């Protein structure tokens, strides 16, 4: 949920694009886990939030994730001869550790 203060950007084609705030909408970003579960059918959105030096802005993120010991991998219904396996199954805790070991400007997948 946003107010009128800009700051959210998404990366598309190597460029950062400003997202115009909408007071009547929620932004839901599909996470990396959904990209993995759908074998790449749904893409995770690389995003960032810029500081506005003249107007205060608050960002609150909520995360829903599996337990660290749960294994995530592509679901069978998203794989076929035309859509081969794109991601290997991995324990969610290992995925997190790998992602947190990279600099903030790199995609963890």
N, C-alpha and C. Protein backbone atom coordinates (compact mmCIF):
# COMPACT_ATOMS: atom_id res chain seq x y z
N UNK A 1 0.86 -1.16 0.00
CA UNK A 1 0.00 0.00 0.00
C UNK A 1 0.90 1.23 0.00
N UNK A 2 0.57 2.18 -0.80
CA UNK A 2 1.43 3.35 -0.96
C UNK A 2 0.68 4.64 -0.63
N UNK A 3 1.48 5.65 -0.41
CA UNK A 3 0.93 7.00 -0.34
C UNK A 3 1.34 7.71 -1.63
N UNK A 4 1.36 9.02 -1.64
CA UNK A 4 1.67 9.75 -2.88
C UNK A 4 3.16 9.96 -3.13
N UNK A 5 4.01 9.47 -2.24
CA UNK A 5 5.45 9.70 -2.36
C UNK A 5 6.08 8.64 -3.26
N UNK A 6 6.75 9.06 -4.32
CA UNK A 6 7.45 8.14 -5.23
C UNK A 6 8.69 7.56 -4.55
N UNK A 7 9.19 6.49 -5.12
CA UNK A 7 10.43 5.90 -4.64
C UNK A 7 10.63 4.48 -5.13
N UNK A 8 9.53 3.74 -5.32
CA UNK A 8 9.63 2.36 -5.78
C UNK A 8 10.00 2.33 -7.26
N UNK A 9 10.99 1.47 -7.57
CA UNK A 9 11.40 1.26 -8.95
C UNK A 9 11.50 -0.24 -9.21
N UNK A 10 11.23 -0.63 -10.45
CA UNK A 10 11.46 -2.01 -10.88
C UNK A 10 12.46 -1.99 -12.03
N UNK A 11 13.19 -3.10 -12.16
CA UNK A 11 14.15 -3.20 -13.27
C UNK A 11 13.49 -3.94 -14.42
N UNK A 12 13.56 -3.32 -15.59
CA UNK A 12 13.03 -3.94 -16.80
C UNK A 12 14.01 -3.68 -17.93
N UNK A 13 14.50 -4.76 -18.53
CA UNK A 13 15.44 -4.63 -19.63
C UNK A 13 16.72 -3.91 -19.25
N UNK A 14 17.16 -4.05 -18.01
CA UNK A 14 18.39 -3.40 -17.57
C UNK A 14 18.21 -1.97 -17.11
N UNK A 15 17.00 -1.42 -17.22
CA UNK A 15 16.74 -0.04 -16.80
C UNK A 15 15.84 -0.01 -15.57
N UNK A 16 16.04 0.98 -14.72
CA UNK A 16 15.18 1.18 -13.56
C UNK A 16 14.03 2.09 -13.96
N UNK A 17 12.81 1.64 -13.68
CA UNK A 17 11.60 2.37 -14.05
C UNK A 17 10.86 2.79 -12.79
N UNK A 18 10.52 4.08 -12.70
CA UNK A 18 9.75 4.59 -11.57
C UNK A 18 8.33 4.04 -11.63
N UNK A 19 7.83 3.62 -10.49
CA UNK A 19 6.44 3.18 -10.38
C UNK A 19 5.63 4.32 -9.77
N UNK A 20 4.60 4.74 -10.47
CA UNK A 20 3.76 5.81 -9.95
C UNK A 20 2.89 5.27 -8.82
N UNK A 21 2.91 5.92 -7.67
CA UNK A 21 2.11 5.43 -6.53
C UNK A 21 0.61 5.49 -6.83
N UNK A 22 -0.10 4.51 -6.30
CA UNK A 22 -1.56 4.48 -6.38
C UNK A 22 -2.09 4.24 -4.99
N UNK A 23 -2.83 5.20 -4.47
CA UNK A 23 -3.36 5.09 -3.11
C UNK A 23 -4.42 4.00 -2.99
N UNK A 24 -5.03 3.59 -4.09
CA UNK A 24 -6.12 2.61 -4.06
C UNK A 24 -5.67 1.19 -4.40
N UNK A 25 -4.36 0.90 -4.28
CA UNK A 25 -3.87 -0.41 -4.69
C UNK A 25 -2.78 -0.92 -3.76
N UNK A 26 -2.67 -2.22 -3.69
CA UNK A 26 -1.56 -2.87 -3.01
C UNK A 26 -0.60 -3.37 -4.09
N UNK A 27 0.68 -3.36 -3.78
CA UNK A 27 1.68 -3.93 -4.68
C UNK A 27 2.07 -5.28 -4.11
N UNK A 28 1.97 -6.30 -4.92
CA UNK A 28 2.37 -7.65 -4.52
C UNK A 28 3.45 -8.09 -5.48
N UNK A 29 4.63 -8.33 -4.95
CA UNK A 29 5.73 -8.77 -5.79
C UNK A 29 5.91 -10.27 -5.63
N UNK A 30 5.89 -10.94 -6.76
CA UNK A 30 6.08 -12.38 -6.76
C UNK A 30 7.54 -12.65 -6.41
N UNK A 31 7.75 -13.45 -5.40
CA UNK A 31 9.11 -13.72 -4.94
C UNK A 31 9.81 -14.80 -5.75
N UNK A 32 11.07 -14.97 -5.45
CA UNK A 32 11.89 -15.98 -6.12
C UNK A 32 11.32 -17.38 -5.95
N UNK A 33 10.70 -17.66 -4.78
CA UNK A 33 10.17 -19.00 -4.56
C UNK A 33 9.06 -19.33 -5.55
N UNK A 34 8.21 -18.35 -5.88
CA UNK A 34 7.15 -18.58 -6.86
C UNK A 34 7.77 -18.80 -8.25
N UNK A 35 8.83 -18.07 -8.56
CA UNK A 35 9.52 -18.29 -9.84
C UNK A 35 10.05 -19.71 -9.91
N UNK A 36 10.63 -20.19 -8.82
CA UNK A 36 11.17 -21.55 -8.78
C UNK A 36 10.05 -22.57 -8.87
N UNK A 37 8.99 -22.41 -8.07
CA UNK A 37 7.88 -23.36 -8.07
C UNK A 37 7.22 -23.48 -9.43
N UNK A 38 7.14 -22.35 -10.16
CA UNK A 38 6.50 -22.36 -11.48
C UNK A 38 7.50 -22.59 -12.61
N UNK A 39 8.72 -22.98 -12.26
CA UNK A 39 9.76 -23.29 -13.24
C UNK A 39 9.99 -22.12 -14.20
N UNK A 40 9.90 -20.89 -13.65
CA UNK A 40 10.17 -19.70 -14.43
C UNK A 40 8.98 -19.10 -15.14
N UNK A 41 7.80 -19.72 -15.01
CA UNK A 41 6.62 -19.17 -15.68
C UNK A 41 6.27 -17.78 -15.12
N UNK A 42 6.30 -17.64 -13.81
CA UNK A 42 6.10 -16.34 -13.17
C UNK A 42 7.46 -15.84 -12.73
N UNK A 43 7.80 -14.62 -13.09
CA UNK A 43 9.12 -14.07 -12.82
C UNK A 43 9.12 -13.21 -11.56
N UNK A 44 10.14 -13.37 -10.76
CA UNK A 44 10.37 -12.51 -9.62
C UNK A 44 10.73 -11.12 -10.13
N UNK A 45 10.31 -10.09 -9.42
CA UNK A 45 10.55 -8.71 -9.86
C UNK A 45 11.72 -8.13 -9.08
N UNK A 46 12.76 -7.74 -9.82
CA UNK A 46 13.86 -7.04 -9.17
C UNK A 46 13.41 -5.60 -8.92
N UNK A 47 13.56 -5.15 -7.70
CA UNK A 47 13.06 -3.83 -7.35
C UNK A 47 13.97 -3.16 -6.33
N UNK A 48 13.76 -1.87 -6.16
CA UNK A 48 14.47 -1.10 -5.16
C UNK A 48 13.60 0.09 -4.77
N UNK A 49 13.94 0.69 -3.66
CA UNK A 49 13.23 1.88 -3.20
C UNK A 49 14.25 2.98 -2.96
N UNK A 50 14.02 4.13 -3.57
CA UNK A 50 14.92 5.26 -3.43
C UNK A 50 14.46 6.18 -2.31
N UNK A 51 15.40 6.81 -1.66
CA UNK A 51 15.11 7.77 -0.60
C UNK A 51 14.64 9.08 -1.21
N UNK A 52 13.62 9.64 -0.65
CA UNK A 52 13.15 10.97 -1.04
C UNK A 52 13.67 11.92 0.03
N UNK A 53 14.57 12.81 -0.33
CA UNK A 53 15.23 13.68 0.65
C UNK A 53 14.34 14.81 1.16
N UNK A 54 13.22 15.08 0.49
CA UNK A 54 12.38 16.20 0.93
C UNK A 54 11.05 15.76 1.56
N UNK A 55 10.59 14.55 1.26
CA UNK A 55 9.33 14.07 1.81
C UNK A 55 9.57 12.70 2.45
N UNK A 56 9.13 12.52 3.70
CA UNK A 56 9.30 11.20 4.34
C UNK A 56 8.54 10.11 3.59
N UNK A 57 9.12 8.93 3.55
CA UNK A 57 8.49 7.78 2.91
C UNK A 57 8.73 6.57 3.78
N UNK A 58 7.72 5.76 3.96
CA UNK A 58 7.85 4.54 4.77
C UNK A 58 7.61 3.34 3.87
N UNK A 59 8.49 2.35 3.97
CA UNK A 59 8.31 1.08 3.27
C UNK A 59 8.21 -0.02 4.31
N UNK A 60 7.23 -0.87 4.17
CA UNK A 60 7.08 -2.01 5.05
C UNK A 60 6.95 -3.25 4.18
N UNK A 61 7.84 -4.19 4.39
CA UNK A 61 7.81 -5.43 3.61
C UNK A 61 7.30 -6.57 4.48
N UNK A 62 6.47 -7.40 3.92
CA UNK A 62 5.98 -8.60 4.58
C UNK A 62 6.40 -9.80 3.74
N UNK A 63 6.96 -10.78 4.39
CA UNK A 63 7.44 -11.95 3.68
C UNK A 63 6.70 -13.19 4.16
N UNK A 64 6.32 -14.03 3.22
CA UNK A 64 5.75 -15.33 3.52
C UNK A 64 6.67 -16.34 2.87
N UNK A 65 7.18 -17.26 3.68
CA UNK A 65 8.18 -18.18 3.15
C UNK A 65 8.05 -19.54 3.82
N UNK A 66 8.58 -20.56 3.17
CA UNK A 66 8.60 -21.90 3.78
C UNK A 66 9.56 -21.95 4.96
N UNK A 67 9.49 -23.01 5.73
CA UNK A 67 10.46 -23.25 6.81
C UNK A 67 11.82 -23.54 6.20
N UNK A 68 12.89 -23.28 6.96
CA UNK A 68 14.25 -23.45 6.43
C UNK A 68 14.53 -24.86 5.95
N UNK A 69 13.91 -25.85 6.56
CA UNK A 69 14.15 -27.24 6.17
C UNK A 69 13.30 -27.72 5.01
N UNK A 70 12.31 -26.95 4.60
CA UNK A 70 11.46 -27.33 3.49
C UNK A 70 12.23 -27.26 2.17
N UNK A 71 11.92 -28.17 1.28
CA UNK A 71 12.57 -28.22 -0.03
C UNK A 71 11.66 -27.51 -1.04
N UNK A 72 12.26 -26.58 -1.79
CA UNK A 72 11.52 -25.91 -2.85
C UNK A 72 12.13 -26.30 -4.19
N UNK A 73 11.28 -26.48 -5.16
CA UNK A 73 11.70 -26.84 -6.51
C UNK A 73 10.50 -26.74 -7.43
N UNK A 74 10.73 -26.82 -8.72
CA UNK A 74 9.63 -26.71 -9.67
C UNK A 74 8.58 -27.80 -9.46
N UNK A 75 7.32 -27.40 -9.55
CA UNK A 75 6.21 -28.34 -9.47
C UNK A 75 6.08 -29.05 -10.82
N UNK A 76 5.72 -30.33 -10.77
CA UNK A 76 5.65 -31.15 -11.98
C UNK A 76 4.77 -30.58 -13.07
N UNK A 77 3.68 -29.92 -12.70
CA UNK A 77 2.76 -29.43 -13.73
C UNK A 77 3.34 -28.26 -14.53
N UNK A 78 4.50 -27.73 -14.11
CA UNK A 78 5.14 -26.64 -14.85
C UNK A 78 6.31 -27.12 -15.69
N UNK A 79 6.46 -28.44 -15.83
CA UNK A 79 7.55 -29.00 -16.63
C UNK A 79 6.98 -29.90 -17.72
N UNK A 80 7.60 -29.85 -18.89
CA UNK A 80 7.21 -30.70 -20.01
C UNK A 80 8.40 -30.76 -20.97
N UNK A 81 8.20 -31.43 -22.08
CA UNK A 81 9.26 -31.46 -23.10
C UNK A 81 9.55 -30.05 -23.62
N UNK A 82 8.50 -29.22 -23.68
CA UNK A 82 8.67 -27.84 -24.17
C UNK A 82 9.17 -26.90 -23.08
N UNK A 83 8.99 -27.26 -21.83
CA UNK A 83 9.46 -26.43 -20.71
C UNK A 83 10.29 -27.31 -19.77
N UNK A 84 11.55 -27.53 -20.10
CA UNK A 84 12.40 -28.40 -19.28
C UNK A 84 12.71 -27.77 -17.92
N UNK A 85 13.23 -28.57 -17.03
CA UNK A 85 13.60 -28.13 -15.69
C UNK A 85 14.58 -26.96 -15.75
N UNK A 86 14.23 -25.85 -15.07
CA UNK A 86 15.09 -24.66 -15.05
C UNK A 86 15.77 -24.46 -13.70
N UNK A 87 15.20 -25.04 -12.63
CA UNK A 87 15.73 -24.85 -11.28
C UNK A 87 15.82 -26.21 -10.60
N UNK A 88 16.86 -26.39 -9.83
CA UNK A 88 16.97 -27.63 -9.07
C UNK A 88 16.29 -27.44 -7.71
N UNK A 89 15.87 -28.53 -7.11
CA UNK A 89 15.26 -28.48 -5.78
C UNK A 89 16.35 -28.17 -4.76
N UNK A 90 16.00 -27.38 -3.75
CA UNK A 90 16.98 -26.97 -2.74
C UNK A 90 16.24 -26.71 -1.43
N UNK A 91 16.92 -26.95 -0.31
CA UNK A 91 16.33 -26.60 0.98
C UNK A 91 16.23 -25.08 1.06
N UNK A 92 15.10 -24.61 1.55
CA UNK A 92 14.87 -23.17 1.59
C UNK A 92 15.95 -22.47 2.41
N UNK A 93 16.42 -23.07 3.50
CA UNK A 93 17.48 -22.46 4.31
C UNK A 93 18.77 -22.30 3.52
N UNK A 94 19.11 -23.28 2.69
CA UNK A 94 20.31 -23.17 1.84
C UNK A 94 20.13 -22.06 0.81
N UNK A 95 18.92 -21.95 0.26
CA UNK A 95 18.62 -20.88 -0.69
C UNK A 95 18.82 -19.52 -0.04
N UNK A 96 18.30 -19.36 1.19
CA UNK A 96 18.46 -18.09 1.90
C UNK A 96 19.93 -17.77 2.15
N UNK A 97 20.67 -18.76 2.64
CA UNK A 97 22.09 -18.53 2.92
C UNK A 97 22.84 -18.13 1.65
N UNK A 98 22.52 -18.76 0.53
CA UNK A 98 23.16 -18.40 -0.74
C UNK A 98 22.81 -16.97 -1.12
N UNK A 99 21.53 -16.61 -1.00
CA UNK A 99 21.09 -15.26 -1.36
C UNK A 99 21.72 -14.19 -0.49
N UNK A 100 21.82 -14.44 0.82
CA UNK A 100 22.38 -13.45 1.73
C UNK A 100 23.90 -13.35 1.62
N UNK A 101 24.53 -14.30 0.93
CA UNK A 101 25.99 -14.24 0.77
C UNK A 101 26.40 -13.35 -0.41
N UNK A 102 25.41 -12.91 -1.21
CA UNK A 102 25.69 -12.07 -2.39
C UNK A 102 25.50 -10.60 -2.06
N UNK A 103 26.17 -9.73 -2.80
CA UNK A 103 25.95 -8.29 -2.61
C UNK A 103 24.49 -7.93 -2.92
N UNK A 104 24.01 -6.85 -2.36
CA UNK A 104 22.62 -6.46 -2.53
C UNK A 104 22.25 -6.12 -3.97
N UNK A 105 23.21 -5.87 -4.83
CA UNK A 105 22.87 -5.52 -6.20
C UNK A 105 22.86 -6.73 -7.13
N UNK A 106 22.82 -7.95 -6.59
CA UNK A 106 22.76 -9.16 -7.42
C UNK A 106 21.49 -9.93 -7.13
N UNK A 107 20.92 -10.54 -8.16
CA UNK A 107 19.75 -11.38 -8.01
C UNK A 107 20.20 -12.72 -7.41
N UNK A 108 19.54 -13.23 -6.33
CA UNK A 108 20.00 -14.43 -5.67
C UNK A 108 19.74 -15.72 -6.43
N UNK A 109 18.92 -15.71 -7.50
CA UNK A 109 18.62 -16.96 -8.20
C UNK A 109 19.68 -17.29 -9.22
